[in-house]
Amino acid sequence: MPLTATDPIKIIFAIIFPPLGVFLEVGLKGHFWLNILLTLCGFIPGIVHALYVILKH
C-alpha cells in the first residue's frame, strides 16, 4: 500500500504516543486495544506495533 499524505503525521504520533497513531489509522478496533495493552506492558512494543499497523494499512 502506498504512503498517503497523513502517514508521516501518524508515524510521529506513533512514536510519541503509540495508541494515538493506531487510533488515527484504524479507529476503535482490535488493533487499537492491542496497542494499548502493548504500550502498558512496555513502550517499545507499543511503538513497534503502531508502526506495523500504520505501514501495513
N, C-alpha and C. Protein backbone atom coordinates (compact mmCIF):
# COMPACT_ATOMS: atom_id res chain seq x y z
N MET A 1 0.85 -1.17 0.00
CA MET A 1 0.00 0.00 0.00
C MET A 1 0.90 1.23 0.00
N PRO A 2 0.65 2.18 -0.89
CA PRO A 2 1.48 3.39 -0.93
C PRO A 2 1.22 4.29 0.28
N LEU A 3 2.21 5.09 0.60
CA LEU A 3 2.08 6.04 1.70
C LEU A 3 1.14 7.17 1.29
N THR A 4 0.35 7.63 2.24
CA THR A 4 -0.53 8.77 1.99
C THR A 4 0.09 10.01 2.62
N ALA A 5 -0.54 11.14 2.40
CA ALA A 5 -0.01 12.40 2.91
C ALA A 5 -0.05 12.48 4.43
N THR A 6 -0.97 11.76 5.06
CA THR A 6 -1.09 11.83 6.52
C THR A 6 -0.22 10.80 7.25
N ASP A 7 0.40 9.88 6.53
CA ASP A 7 1.21 8.85 7.17
C ASP A 7 2.39 9.42 7.98
N PRO A 8 3.11 10.42 7.51
CA PRO A 8 4.19 10.96 8.37
C PRO A 8 3.69 11.52 9.70
N ILE A 9 2.52 12.11 9.70
CA ILE A 9 1.94 12.63 10.94
C ILE A 9 1.58 11.48 11.87
N LYS A 10 0.98 10.43 11.30
CA LYS A 10 0.63 9.25 12.10
C LYS A 10 1.87 8.59 12.67
N ILE A 11 2.95 8.54 11.91
CA ILE A 11 4.19 7.94 12.38
C ILE A 11 4.78 8.75 13.53
N ILE A 12 4.72 10.06 13.45
CA ILE A 12 5.20 10.90 14.55
C ILE A 12 4.36 10.66 15.80
N PHE A 13 3.04 10.61 15.65
CA PHE A 13 2.18 10.31 16.80
C PHE A 13 2.45 8.91 17.34
N ALA A 14 2.77 7.96 16.46
CA ALA A 14 3.04 6.58 16.90
C ALA A 14 4.31 6.52 17.74
N ILE A 15 5.25 7.39 17.50
CA ILE A 15 6.49 7.40 18.28
C ILE A 15 6.27 8.11 19.62
N ILE A 16 5.49 9.18 19.60
CA ILE A 16 5.25 9.94 20.84
C ILE A 16 4.24 9.23 21.73
N PHE A 17 3.11 8.81 21.17
CA PHE A 17 2.04 8.14 21.92
C PHE A 17 1.41 7.09 21.00
N PRO A 18 1.92 5.85 21.05
CA PRO A 18 1.52 4.82 20.08
C PRO A 18 0.02 4.60 19.90
N PRO A 19 -0.80 4.56 20.95
CA PRO A 19 -2.24 4.32 20.70
C PRO A 19 -2.90 5.40 19.84
N LEU A 20 -2.41 6.61 19.92
CA LEU A 20 -2.99 7.68 19.09
C LEU A 20 -2.71 7.44 17.62
N GLY A 21 -1.50 7.02 17.29
CA GLY A 21 -1.18 6.71 15.89
C GLY A 21 -2.04 5.59 15.35
N VAL A 22 -2.26 4.56 16.16
CA VAL A 22 -3.11 3.44 15.73
C VAL A 22 -4.56 3.89 15.62
N PHE A 23 -5.02 4.69 16.57
CA PHE A 23 -6.40 5.20 16.51
C PHE A 23 -6.64 5.99 15.23
N LEU A 24 -5.70 6.82 14.85
CA LEU A 24 -5.86 7.61 13.63
C LEU A 24 -5.90 6.73 12.39
N GLU A 25 -5.28 5.56 12.47
CA GLU A 25 -5.25 4.65 11.31
C GLU A 25 -6.48 3.75 11.25
N VAL A 26 -6.87 3.12 12.37
CA VAL A 26 -7.93 2.11 12.31
C VAL A 26 -9.15 2.43 13.17
N GLY A 27 -9.09 3.42 14.02
CA GLY A 27 -10.22 3.72 14.89
C GLY A 27 -10.22 2.83 16.12
N LEU A 28 -11.39 2.61 16.69
CA LEU A 28 -11.52 1.83 17.93
C LEU A 28 -11.72 0.34 17.63
N LYS A 29 -10.85 -0.23 16.85
CA LYS A 29 -10.94 -1.65 16.53
C LYS A 29 -9.93 -2.42 17.36
N GLY A 30 -9.78 -3.70 17.07
CA GLY A 30 -8.93 -4.58 17.85
C GLY A 30 -7.48 -4.14 17.93
N HIS A 31 -6.94 -3.60 16.85
CA HIS A 31 -5.54 -3.16 16.86
C HIS A 31 -5.31 -2.04 17.87
N PHE A 32 -6.30 -1.17 18.03
CA PHE A 32 -6.18 -0.08 18.99
C PHE A 32 -6.05 -0.62 20.41
N TRP A 33 -6.94 -1.55 20.77
CA TRP A 33 -6.92 -2.10 22.13
C TRP A 33 -5.67 -2.94 22.37
N LEU A 34 -5.23 -3.67 21.36
CA LEU A 34 -3.99 -4.42 21.48
C LEU A 34 -2.81 -3.48 21.69
N ASN A 35 -2.82 -2.35 20.99
CA ASN A 35 -1.73 -1.41 21.14
C ASN A 35 -1.71 -0.78 22.53
N ILE A 36 -2.87 -0.52 23.10
CA ILE A 36 -2.90 0.00 24.47
C ILE A 36 -2.28 -1.02 25.42
N LEU A 37 -2.64 -2.28 25.25
CA LEU A 37 -2.08 -3.34 26.10
C LEU A 37 -0.57 -3.44 25.92
N LEU A 38 -0.09 -3.41 24.69
CA LEU A 38 1.35 -3.48 24.44
C LEU A 38 2.08 -2.27 24.99
N THR A 39 1.48 -1.10 24.90
CA THR A 39 2.10 0.11 25.42
C THR A 39 2.18 0.07 26.94
N LEU A 40 1.17 -0.49 27.58
CA LEU A 40 1.22 -0.62 29.04
C LEU A 40 2.27 -1.64 29.47
N CYS A 41 2.47 -2.68 28.67
CA CYS A 41 3.49 -3.69 29.00
C CYS A 41 4.90 -3.16 28.77
N GLY A 42 5.04 -2.29 27.83
CA GLY A 42 6.35 -1.72 27.51
C GLY A 42 6.18 -0.73 26.38
N PHE A 43 6.85 0.37 26.47
CA PHE A 43 6.64 1.43 25.48
C PHE A 43 7.13 1.02 24.09
N ILE A 44 8.26 0.30 24.02
CA ILE A 44 8.83 -0.09 22.73
C ILE A 44 7.92 -1.06 21.97
N PRO A 45 7.34 -2.09 22.61
CA PRO A 45 6.41 -2.94 21.85
C PRO A 45 5.21 -2.16 21.30
N GLY A 46 4.75 -1.17 22.03
CA GLY A 46 3.66 -0.34 21.54
C GLY A 46 4.05 0.45 20.30
N ILE A 47 5.26 0.96 20.30
CA ILE A 47 5.75 1.72 19.13
C ILE A 47 5.89 0.79 17.93
N VAL A 48 6.48 -0.37 18.14
CA VAL A 48 6.68 -1.31 17.02
C VAL A 48 5.34 -1.73 16.43
N HIS A 49 4.38 -2.04 17.28
CA HIS A 49 3.06 -2.43 16.79
C HIS A 49 2.38 -1.27 16.06
N ALA A 50 2.49 -0.07 16.59
CA ALA A 50 1.87 1.10 15.94
C ALA A 50 2.46 1.34 14.56
N LEU A 51 3.77 1.24 14.45
CA LEU A 51 4.40 1.42 13.14
C LEU A 51 3.99 0.32 12.18
N TYR A 52 3.89 -0.89 12.68
CA TYR A 52 3.43 -2.01 11.85
C TYR A 52 2.03 -1.74 11.30
N VAL A 53 1.12 -1.32 12.17
CA VAL A 53 -0.27 -1.08 11.75
C VAL A 53 -0.32 0.06 10.74
N ILE A 54 0.39 1.13 11.00
CA ILE A 54 0.34 2.29 10.10
C ILE A 54 0.92 1.94 8.73
N LEU A 55 2.05 1.26 8.71
CA LEU A 55 2.69 0.96 7.44
C LEU A 55 2.02 -0.19 6.71
N LYS A 56 1.32 -1.05 7.41
CA LYS A 56 0.64 -2.18 6.79
C LYS A 56 -0.67 -1.77 6.13
N HIS A 57 -1.43 -0.87 6.75
CA HIS A 57 -2.73 -0.46 6.20
C HIS A 57 -2.56 0.55 5.16
